[in-house]
Amino acid sequence: MESNMEKECSALGGLFQAVINDLKVGIPVWEDFITKATKLHSQLKATILSTTSFLDAFQKIADLATNARGGTKDVGTALTRICLRHKAVEARLKTFTSALMECLVMPLENKMEDWKKTVAQLDKDHAKGDLFGTVESGTRTARWPSVS
């Protein structure tokens, strides 16, 4: 009975170590993701600035065509409609860009240090054998650190 329990505990310890190793391997991947998402955010902001300048110049051409005499009024009206549609796309791009930073990158950056500390602490506790308490009536009681 006791050797069976020892085998099970050993198997659980091996499984726990495998999970910790997977977490350690995953941290650089998450950091790379955050870095790439931050670069994407920067590029999108630059794109938004360029698009805004372009659409302002485009609107000036549309206004010029609308205010001219003759048949260019219809062309100016069509250009104004195109410009308005592109400004709507620009607004959605701004929303996406801000959401990318505020709802993805910043929360992940804030949690990364906690994740690193938690993984390191779990690994250290497992190495010391401190995750489990004493054997009481044939079962081990777990003392898991609080993870929030």
C-alpha atoms as a PDB file:
ATOM      1  CA  MET A   1       0.000   0.000   0.000  1.00  0.00           C
ATOM      2  CA  GLU A   2       2.754   2.424   0.990  1.00  0.00           C
ATOM      3  CA  SER A   3       4.863   1.725  -2.110  1.00  0.00           C
ATOM      4  CA  ASN A   4       1.796   2.276  -4.321  1.00  0.00           C
ATOM      5  CA  MET A   5       1.227   5.647  -2.650  1.00  0.00           C
ATOM      6  CA  GLU A   6       4.883   6.543  -3.110  1.00  0.00           C
ATOM      7  CA  LYS A   7       4.618   5.701  -6.816  1.00  0.00           C
ATOM      8  CA  GLU A   8       1.551   7.901  -7.163  1.00  0.00           C
ATOM      9  CA  CYS A   9       3.235  10.758  -5.325  1.00  0.00           C
ATOM     10  CA  SER A  10       6.315  10.363  -7.493  1.00  0.00           C
ATOM     11  CA  ALA A  11       4.160  10.403 -10.636  1.00  0.00           C
ATOM     12  CA  LEU A  12       2.377  13.539  -9.429  1.00  0.00           C
ATOM     13  CA  GLY A  13       5.727  15.158  -8.651  1.00  0.00           C
ATOM     14  CA  GLY A  14       6.939  14.372 -12.165  1.00  0.00           C
ATOM     15  CA  LEU A  15       3.739  15.746 -13.660  1.00  0.00           C
ATOM     16  CA  PHE A  16       4.060  18.886 -11.557  1.00  0.00           C
ATOM     17  CA  GLN A  17       7.650  19.366 -12.713  1.00  0.00           C
ATOM     18  CA  ALA A  18       6.564  18.920 -16.347  1.00  0.00           C
ATOM     19  CA  VAL A  19       3.919  21.627 -15.896  1.00  0.00           C
ATOM     20  CA  ILE A  20       6.463  23.978 -14.295  1.00  0.00           C
ATOM     21  CA  ASN A  21       8.907  23.356 -17.159  1.00  0.00           C
ATOM     22  CA  ASP A  22       6.150  24.093 -19.694  1.00  0.00           C
ATOM     23  CA  LEU A  23       5.410  27.340 -17.875  1.00  0.00           C
ATOM     24  CA  LYS A  24       9.094  28.300 -17.895  1.00  0.00           C
ATOM     25  CA  VAL A  25       9.357  27.608 -21.628  1.00  0.00           C
ATOM     26  CA  GLY A  26       6.200  29.621 -22.289  1.00  0.00           C
ATOM     27  CA  ILE A  27       7.387  32.823 -20.608  1.00  0.00           C
ATOM     28  CA  PRO A  28       9.797  33.887 -23.399  1.00  0.00           C
ATOM     29  CA  VAL A  29       7.089  33.146 -25.968  1.00  0.00           C
ATOM     30  CA  TRP A  30       4.668  35.445 -24.155  1.00  0.00           C
ATOM     31  CA  GLU A  31       7.349  38.124 -23.866  1.00  0.00           C
ATOM     32  CA  ASP A  32       7.988  37.867 -27.617  1.00  0.00           C
ATOM     33  CA  PHE A  33       4.248  38.168 -28.259  1.00  0.00           C
ATOM     34  CA  ILE A  34       4.067  41.302 -26.104  1.00  0.00           C
ATOM     35  CA  THR A  35       7.062  42.810 -27.922  1.00  0.00           C
ATOM     36  CA  LYS A  36       5.539  42.100 -31.336  1.00  0.00           C
ATOM     37  CA  ALA A  37       2.144  43.447 -30.264  1.00  0.00           C
ATOM     38  CA  THR A  38       3.821  46.637 -29.037  1.00  0.00           C
ATOM     39  CA  LYS A  39       5.595  47.014 -32.387  1.00  0.00           C
ATOM     40  CA  LEU A  40       2.293  46.454 -34.194  1.00  0.00           C
ATOM     41  CA  HIS A  41       0.719  49.157 -32.030  1.00  0.00           C
ATOM     42  CA  SER A  42       3.492  51.598 -32.927  1.00  0.00           C
ATOM     43  CA  GLN A  43       3.153  50.846 -36.625  1.00  0.00           C
ATOM     44  CA  LEU A  44      -0.616  51.203 -36.503  1.00  0.00           C
ATOM     45  CA  LYS A  45      -0.267  54.598 -34.809  1.00  0.00           C
ATOM     46  CA  ALA A  46       2.086  55.710 -37.586  1.00  0.00           C
ATOM     47  CA  THR A  47      -0.382  54.399 -40.160  1.00  0.00           C
ATOM     48  CA  ILE A  48      -3.192  56.331 -38.517  1.00  0.00           C
ATOM     49  CA  LEU A  49      -1.165  59.551 -38.633  1.00  0.00           C
ATOM     50  CA  SER A  50      -0.377  59.028 -42.322  1.00  0.00           C
ATOM     51  CA  THR A  51      -3.971  58.150 -43.092  1.00  0.00           C
ATOM     52  CA  THR A  52      -5.243  61.239 -41.300  1.00  0.00           C
ATOM     53  CA  SER A  53      -2.927  63.476 -43.315  1.00  0.00           C
ATOM     54  CA  PHE A  54      -3.879  61.751 -46.544  1.00  0.00           C
ATOM     55  CA  LEU A  55      -7.605  62.016 -45.858  1.00  0.00           C
ATOM     56  CA  ASP A  56      -7.297  65.703 -44.957  1.00  0.00           C
ATOM     57  CA  ALA A  57      -5.588  66.376 -48.292  1.00  0.00           C
ATOM     58  CA  PHE A  58      -8.135  64.201 -50.079  1.00  0.00           C
ATOM     59  CA  GLN A  59     -10.982  66.151 -48.450  1.00  0.00           C
ATOM     60  CA  LYS A  60      -9.466  69.416 -49.674  1.00  0.00           C
ATOM     61  CA  ILE A  61      -9.487  68.069 -53.238  1.00  0.00           C
ATOM     62  CA  ALA A  62     -13.101  66.918 -52.787  1.00  0.00           C
ATOM     63  CA  ASP A  63     -14.079  70.375 -51.465  1.00  0.00           C
ATOM     64  CA  LEU A  64     -12.285  72.049 -54.349  1.00  0.00           C
ATOM     65  CA  ALA A  65     -14.146  69.867 -56.857  1.00  0.00           C
ATOM     66  CA  THR A  66     -17.487  70.413 -55.092  1.00  0.00           C
ATOM     67  CA  ASN A  67     -17.104  74.214 -55.081  1.00  0.00           C
ATOM     68  CA  ALA A  68     -15.994  74.432 -58.716  1.00  0.00           C
ATOM     69  CA  ARG A  69     -18.408  75.380 -61.454  1.00  0.00           C
ATOM     70  CA  GLY A  70     -19.651  72.902 -63.967  1.00  0.00           C
ATOM     71  CA  GLY A  71     -19.813  69.126 -63.879  1.00  0.00           C
ATOM     72  CA  THR A  72     -17.164  68.672 -61.214  1.00  0.00           C
ATOM     73  CA  LYS A  73     -19.742  69.103 -58.425  1.00  0.00           C
ATOM     74  CA  ASP A  74     -20.823  65.491 -58.869  1.00  0.00           C
ATOM     75  CA  VAL A  75     -17.217  64.353 -58.797  1.00  0.00           C
ATOM     76  CA  GLY A  76     -16.638  66.410 -55.646  1.00  0.00           C
ATOM     77  CA  THR A  77     -19.691  64.899 -53.967  1.00  0.00           C
ATOM     78  CA  ALA A  78     -18.511  61.380 -54.830  1.00  0.00           C
ATOM     79  CA  LEU A  79     -15.020  62.146 -53.519  1.00  0.00           C
ATOM     80  CA  THR A  80     -16.515  63.493 -50.288  1.00  0.00           C
ATOM     81  CA  ARG A  81     -18.493  60.249 -49.821  1.00  0.00           C
ATOM     82  CA  ILE A  82     -15.344  58.197 -50.392  1.00  0.00           C
ATOM     83  CA  CYS A  83     -13.460  60.353 -47.915  1.00  0.00           C
ATOM     84  CA  LEU A  84     -16.180  59.922 -45.267  1.00  0.00           C
ATOM     85  CA  ARG A  85     -16.122  56.138 -45.685  1.00  0.00           C
ATOM     86  CA  HIS A  86     -12.369  56.105 -45.310  1.00  0.00           C
ATOM     87  CA  LYS A  87     -12.618  58.250 -42.197  1.00  0.00           C
ATOM     88  CA  ALA A  88     -14.960  55.620 -40.742  1.00  0.00           C
ATOM     89  CA  VAL A  89     -12.311  52.975 -41.442  1.00  0.00           C
ATOM     90  CA  GLU A  90      -9.744  55.236 -39.808  1.00  0.00           C
ATOM     91  CA  ALA A  91     -11.950  55.537 -36.709  1.00  0.00           C
ATOM     92  CA  ARG A  92     -12.209  51.752 -36.451  1.00  0.00           C
ATOM     93  CA  LEU A  93      -8.459  51.441 -36.845  1.00  0.00           C
ATOM     94  CA  LYS A  94      -7.990  53.914 -33.985  1.00  0.00           C
ATOM     95  CA  THR A  95     -10.348  51.869 -31.818  1.00  0.00           C
ATOM     96  CA  PHE A  96      -8.506  48.649 -32.650  1.00  0.00           C
ATOM     97  CA  THR A  97      -5.124  50.241 -31.983  1.00  0.00           C
ATOM     98  CA  SER A  98      -6.112  51.563 -28.570  1.00  0.00           C
ATOM     99  CA  ALA A  99      -7.797  48.263 -27.639  1.00  0.00           C
ATOM    100  CA  LEU A 100      -4.675  46.367 -28.673  1.00  0.00           C
ATOM    101  CA  MET A 101      -2.583  48.318 -26.193  1.00  0.00           C
ATOM    102  CA  GLU A 102      -5.082  48.845 -23.377  1.00  0.00           C
ATOM    103  CA  CYS A 103      -6.838  45.482 -23.396  1.00  0.00           C
ATOM    104  CA  LEU A 104      -4.053  43.138 -24.463  1.00  0.00           C
ATOM    105  CA  VAL A 105      -0.502  44.420 -24.127  1.00  0.00           C
ATOM    106  CA  MET A 106      -0.730  46.372 -20.877  1.00  0.00           C
ATOM    107  CA  PRO A 107      -2.619  43.686 -18.903  1.00  0.00           C
ATOM    108  CA  LEU A 108      -0.177  41.020 -20.114  1.00  0.00           C
ATOM    109  CA  GLU A 109       2.829  43.164 -19.213  1.00  0.00           C
ATOM    110  CA  ASN A 110       1.381  43.761 -15.761  1.00  0.00           C
ATOM    111  CA  LYS A 111       0.892  40.025 -15.182  1.00  0.00           C
ATOM    112  CA  MET A 112       4.208  38.800 -16.625  1.00  0.00           C
ATOM    113  CA  GLU A 113       6.269  39.653 -13.533  1.00  0.00           C
ATOM    114  CA  ASP A 114       3.704  37.988 -11.277  1.00  0.00           C
ATOM    115  CA  TRP A 115       3.728  34.888 -13.483  1.00  0.00           C
ATOM    116  CA  LYS A 116       7.522  34.723 -13.417  1.00  0.00           C
ATOM    117  CA  LYS A 117       7.626  35.066  -9.634  1.00  0.00           C
ATOM    118  CA  THR A 118       4.879  32.484  -9.145  1.00  0.00           C
ATOM    119  CA  VAL A 119       6.568  29.937 -11.421  1.00  0.00           C
ATOM    120  CA  ALA A 120       9.920  30.486  -9.713  1.00  0.00           C
ATOM    121  CA  GLN A 121       8.335  30.149  -6.268  1.00  0.00           C
ATOM    122  CA  LEU A 122       6.441  26.994  -7.239  1.00  0.00           C
ATOM    123  CA  ASP A 123       9.613  25.477  -8.661  1.00  0.00           C
ATOM    124  CA  LYS A 124      11.590  26.375  -5.555  1.00  0.00           C
ATOM    125  CA  ASP A 125       8.897  24.986  -3.248  1.00  0.00           C
ATOM    126  CA  HIS A 126       8.711  21.788  -5.280  1.00  0.00           C
ATOM    127  CA  ALA A 127      12.496  21.393  -5.184  1.00  0.00           C
ATOM    128  CA  LYS A 128      12.411  21.742  -1.385  1.00  0.00           C
ATOM    129  CA  GLY A 129       9.483  19.349  -1.154  1.00  0.00           C
ATOM    130  CA  ASP A 130       7.496  22.065   0.577  1.00  0.00           C
ATOM    131  CA  LEU A 131       4.366  21.834  -1.548  1.00  0.00           C
ATOM    132  CA  PHE A 132       3.050  18.907   0.455  1.00  0.00           C
ATOM    133  CA  GLY A 133       2.663  18.669   4.177  1.00  0.00           C
ATOM    134  CA  THR A 134       3.263  15.652   6.331  1.00  0.00           C
ATOM    135  CA  VAL A 135       1.634  12.306   5.701  1.00  0.00           C
ATOM    136  CA  GLU A 136      -1.497  12.125   7.807  1.00  0.00           C
ATOM    137  CA  SER A 137      -3.622   8.991   7.821  1.00  0.00           C
ATOM    138  CA  GLY A 138      -2.394   7.856   4.426  1.00  0.00           C
ATOM    139  CA  THR A 139      -3.067  11.109   2.529  1.00  0.00           C
ATOM    140  CA  ARG A 140      -0.955  14.144   1.883  1.00  0.00           C
ATOM    141  CA  THR A 141      -2.361  17.597   2.380  1.00  0.00           C
ATOM    142  CA  ALA A 142      -1.426  20.144  -0.246  1.00  0.00           C
ATOM    143  CA  ARG A 143      -0.268  23.645   0.638  1.00  0.00           C
ATOM    144  CA  TRP A 144      -0.613  25.515  -2.629  1.00  0.00           C
ATOM    145  CA  PRO A 145       0.592  29.078  -2.804  1.00  0.00           C
ATOM    146  CA  SER A 146      -2.092  31.590  -3.600  1.00  0.00           C
ATOM    147  CA  VAL A 147      -2.138  32.459  -7.284  1.00  0.00           C
ATOM    148  CA  SER A 148      -4.129  35.531  -8.226  1.00  0.00           C
END
